[in-house]
Amino acid sequence: MDAGSLLLGLALLIVVAAFVLRPLVEKSGARATHARSNARENGTREALLRQRDAIYAAIRELDFDFRLGKISEEDYHPQRERLALQGVAILKQLDALSPDGDAGLEGEIEAEIARRRRKRTGSSAQTAPTRQAGLSDAEIEAQIRALRRKSATSPVTSACPRCGAATAPEDRFCRNCGAALGSQGASVSASEV
């Protein structure tokens, strides 16, 4: 090896060592203490979340094994109850760790919703949207009749024999379930699909 590559390797080693050792050497008072307390809280929360997920997985696996008949009913119920109690205990611990800021935020959201409802002009909040738009009953009925006429005169399409989804005439397979269509597709009006 030549001297240049050795010096380059040594310089790289020093930079990496400084980067790795910096958190261990750095003890800048409040910032380090604050970072450590946040890491401890997040670590506790993360550990509880991992335990919760593990218990959920164990319950799912236990249920699956019971459905397959691998576990007898006498063994299943006590094990499931024990896992459920562990899960409840972990959820209570997670609730105790959650910040109280969520309740304040929900209160602010509810207050904003109430303010906007009071501010609304014209009609009350209980009024139907069509009344707010100014449509009369006759106009609504006319729109309904027009839509019914339009759907009655819609073009004929094919439908999947397995799932009933609408398909184009040139389709060979259903876009929804993948079933082969061929000549088995029944002709159906688009309003029925």
Protein backbone atom coordinates (compact mmCIF):
# COMPACT_ATOMS: atom_id res chain seq x y z
CA MET A 1 0.00 0.00 0.00
CA ASP A 2 1.20 3.48 -0.68
CA ALA A 3 1.32 6.30 1.87
CA GLY A 4 -1.58 8.25 0.28
CA SER A 5 -4.12 5.48 0.78
CA LEU A 6 -2.95 4.96 4.37
CA LEU A 7 -3.38 8.66 5.15
CA LEU A 8 -6.79 8.73 3.49
CA GLY A 9 -7.89 5.68 5.51
CA LEU A 10 -6.59 7.21 8.74
CA ALA A 11 -8.40 10.50 8.05
CA LEU A 12 -11.63 8.64 7.32
CA LEU A 13 -11.24 6.63 10.53
CA ILE A 14 -10.77 9.81 12.59
CA VAL A 15 -13.88 11.45 11.08
CA VAL A 16 -16.03 8.36 11.68
CA ALA A 17 -14.72 7.95 15.24
CA ALA A 18 -15.46 11.60 16.01
CA PHE A 19 -18.98 11.24 14.62
CA VAL A 20 -19.66 8.06 16.59
CA LEU A 21 -18.14 9.27 19.87
CA ARG A 22 -19.66 12.78 19.77
CA PRO A 23 -22.93 11.84 21.55
CA LEU A 24 -20.99 10.02 24.25
CA VAL A 25 -18.61 12.90 24.88
CA GLU A 26 -21.12 15.73 24.52
CA LYS A 27 -22.80 16.62 27.80
CA SER A 28 -24.21 20.06 27.24
CA GLY A 29 -26.40 20.38 30.33
CA ALA A 30 -30.10 20.87 29.82
CA ARG A 31 -30.10 19.90 26.15
CA ALA A 32 -28.59 16.50 26.84
CA THR A 33 -30.83 15.95 29.88
CA HIS A 34 -33.92 16.94 27.91
CA ALA A 35 -32.94 14.68 25.03
CA ARG A 36 -32.36 11.78 27.41
CA SER A 37 -35.74 12.27 29.15
CA ASN A 38 -37.53 12.44 25.79
CA ALA A 39 -35.73 9.32 24.64
CA ARG A 40 -36.67 7.56 27.89
CA GLU A 41 -40.35 8.53 27.51
CA ASN A 42 -40.39 7.61 23.83
CA GLY A 43 -38.58 4.38 24.64
CA THR A 44 -41.20 3.52 27.26
CA ARG A 45 -44.02 4.36 24.88
CA GLU A 46 -42.37 2.46 22.05
CA ALA A 47 -41.83 -0.54 24.32
CA LEU A 48 -45.49 -0.47 25.36
CA LEU A 49 -46.59 -0.20 21.74
CA ARG A 50 -44.40 -3.18 20.84
CA GLN A 51 -45.88 -5.17 23.74
CA ARG A 52 -49.40 -4.21 22.67
CA ASP A 53 -48.74 -5.32 19.10
CA ALA A 54 -47.20 -8.59 20.34
CA ILE A 55 -50.28 -9.30 22.46
CA TYR A 56 -52.59 -8.52 19.53
CA ALA A 57 -50.58 -10.92 17.37
CA ALA A 58 -50.69 -13.59 20.07
CA ILE A 59 -54.47 -13.24 20.36
CA ARG A 60 -54.88 -13.49 16.57
CA GLU A 61 -52.63 -16.56 16.49
CA LEU A 62 -54.50 -18.16 19.39
CA ASP A 63 -57.85 -17.54 17.67
CA PHE A 64 -56.51 -18.97 14.43
CA ASP A 65 -55.15 -22.08 16.16
CA PHE A 66 -58.48 -22.56 17.95
CA ARG A 67 -60.41 -22.32 14.68
CA LEU A 68 -58.07 -24.90 13.14
CA GLY A 69 -58.63 -27.22 16.09
CA LYS A 70 -55.03 -27.17 17.32
CA ILE A 71 -56.09 -25.92 20.76
CA SER A 72 -58.89 -27.38 22.88
CA GLU A 73 -61.65 -25.20 24.22
CA GLU A 74 -60.49 -25.76 27.82
CA ASP A 75 -57.07 -24.33 26.95
CA TYR A 76 -58.32 -21.60 24.62
CA HIS A 77 -60.54 -19.59 26.95
CA PRO A 78 -58.07 -19.19 29.87
CA GLN A 79 -55.22 -18.29 27.51
CA ARG A 80 -57.33 -15.74 25.64
CA GLU A 81 -58.55 -14.21 28.90
CA ARG A 82 -54.96 -13.94 30.21
CA LEU A 83 -53.82 -12.25 26.97
CA ALA A 84 -56.80 -9.89 27.03
CA LEU A 85 -56.03 -8.85 30.62
CA GLN A 86 -52.40 -8.20 29.68
CA GLY A 87 -53.58 -6.12 26.73
CA VAL A 88 -55.91 -4.08 28.93
CA ALA A 89 -53.08 -3.38 31.39
CA ILE A 90 -50.80 -2.20 28.59
CA LEU A 91 -53.53 -0.01 27.09
CA LYS A 92 -54.08 1.60 30.50
CA GLN A 93 -50.36 2.32 30.75
CA LEU A 94 -50.41 3.85 27.26
CA ASP A 95 -53.39 6.01 28.21
CA ALA A 96 -51.52 7.21 31.29
CA LEU A 97 -48.56 8.24 29.11
CA SER A 98 -50.65 10.10 26.53
CA PRO A 99 -50.38 13.88 26.74
CA ASP A 100 -53.33 15.88 28.06
CA GLY A 101 -53.08 18.18 25.05
CA ASP A 102 -55.43 15.95 23.07
CA ALA A 103 -58.39 16.84 25.31
CA GLY A 104 -57.70 20.55 24.88
CA LEU A 105 -57.44 20.18 21.12
CA GLU A 106 -60.75 18.32 20.96
CA GLY A 107 -62.37 21.10 22.99
CA GLU A 108 -61.02 23.72 20.59
CA ILE A 109 -62.36 21.78 17.61
CA GLU A 110 -65.81 21.44 19.21
CA ALA A 111 -65.87 25.17 20.04
CA GLU A 112 -64.97 26.06 16.44
CA ILE A 113 -67.72 23.78 15.10
CA ALA A 114 -70.27 25.37 17.45
CA ARG A 115 -69.12 28.87 16.43
CA ARG A 116 -69.48 28.08 12.73
CA ARG A 117 -72.93 26.58 13.26
CA ARG A 118 -74.09 29.73 15.07
CA LYS A 119 -72.56 31.89 12.36
CA ARG A 120 -74.42 30.08 9.59
CA THR A 121 -77.08 32.34 8.09
CA GLY A 122 -80.27 31.64 6.21
CA SER A 123 -81.65 28.42 7.61
CA SER A 124 -81.03 26.23 10.61
CA ALA A 125 -78.53 23.36 10.67
CA GLN A 126 -81.39 20.85 10.58
CA THR A 127 -82.59 21.97 7.14
CA ALA A 128 -82.10 19.58 4.23
CA PRO A 129 -79.36 20.51 1.73
CA THR A 130 -81.85 20.75 -1.15
CA ARG A 131 -83.83 23.39 0.71
CA GLN A 132 -80.65 25.39 1.30
CA ALA A 133 -79.90 25.26 -2.41
CA GLY A 134 -83.33 26.78 -3.10
CA LEU A 135 -84.79 23.84 -5.04
CA SER A 136 -88.52 23.27 -4.85
CA ASP A 137 -90.13 19.85 -4.61
CA ALA A 138 -91.27 20.08 -8.23
CA GLU A 139 -87.71 20.81 -9.42
CA ILE A 140 -86.34 17.88 -7.44
CA GLU A 141 -89.00 15.54 -8.85
CA ALA A 142 -88.20 16.75 -12.38
CA GLN A 143 -84.51 15.99 -11.85
CA ILE A 144 -85.36 12.51 -10.56
CA ARG A 145 -87.58 11.79 -13.60
CA ALA A 146 -84.83 12.98 -15.96
CA LEU A 147 -82.27 10.73 -14.30
CA ARG A 148 -84.64 7.75 -14.46
CA ARG A 149 -85.30 8.33 -18.18
CA LYS A 150 -81.59 8.64 -18.82
CA SER A 151 -80.79 5.36 -17.03
CA ALA A 152 -83.64 3.53 -18.78
CA THR A 153 -82.22 4.45 -22.19
CA SER A 154 -78.61 3.63 -21.26
CA PRO A 155 -76.69 1.31 -23.59
CA VAL A 156 -76.61 -2.43 -23.00
CA THR A 157 -73.36 -3.76 -21.53
CA SER A 158 -72.12 -7.11 -20.32
CA ALA A 159 -72.02 -8.20 -16.70
CA CYS A 160 -69.67 -10.66 -15.04
CA PRO A 161 -71.41 -13.97 -14.31
CA ARG A 162 -69.47 -14.37 -11.05
CA CYS A 163 -69.60 -10.92 -9.39
CA GLY A 164 -72.07 -8.96 -11.56
CA ALA A 165 -69.70 -6.08 -12.28
CA ALA A 166 -70.22 -4.15 -15.52
CA THR A 167 -67.80 -5.07 -18.30
CA ALA A 168 -67.10 -3.67 -21.75
CA PRO A 169 -68.13 -5.78 -24.76
CA GLU A 170 -64.49 -6.30 -25.79
CA ASP A 171 -63.38 -7.54 -22.33
CA ARG A 172 -62.36 -11.19 -22.06
CA PHE A 173 -61.92 -11.13 -18.27
CA CYS A 174 -63.78 -9.33 -15.50
CA ARG A 175 -61.97 -6.21 -14.27
CA ASN A 176 -63.26 -6.79 -10.76
CA CYS A 177 -62.77 -10.50 -10.03
CA GLY A 178 -60.77 -11.78 -13.03
CA ALA A 179 -63.32 -14.37 -14.14
CA ALA A 180 -63.23 -15.39 -17.80
CA LEU A 181 -66.14 -13.75 -19.63
CA GLY A 182 -66.20 -15.18 -23.14
CA SER A 183 -69.77 -15.65 -24.31
CA GLN A 184 -70.99 -16.36 -20.77
CA GLY A 185 -71.49 -12.68 -19.91
CA ALA A 186 -75.15 -11.79 -19.63
CA SER A 187 -76.43 -8.64 -21.30
CA VAL A 188 -77.65 -6.20 -18.71
CA SER A 189 -78.65 -2.56 -18.83
CA ALA A 190 -76.23 -0.24 -17.06
CA SER A 191 -78.94 0.88 -14.63
CA GLU A 192 -79.15 -2.66 -13.18
CA VAL A 193 -75.40 -2.84 -12.48
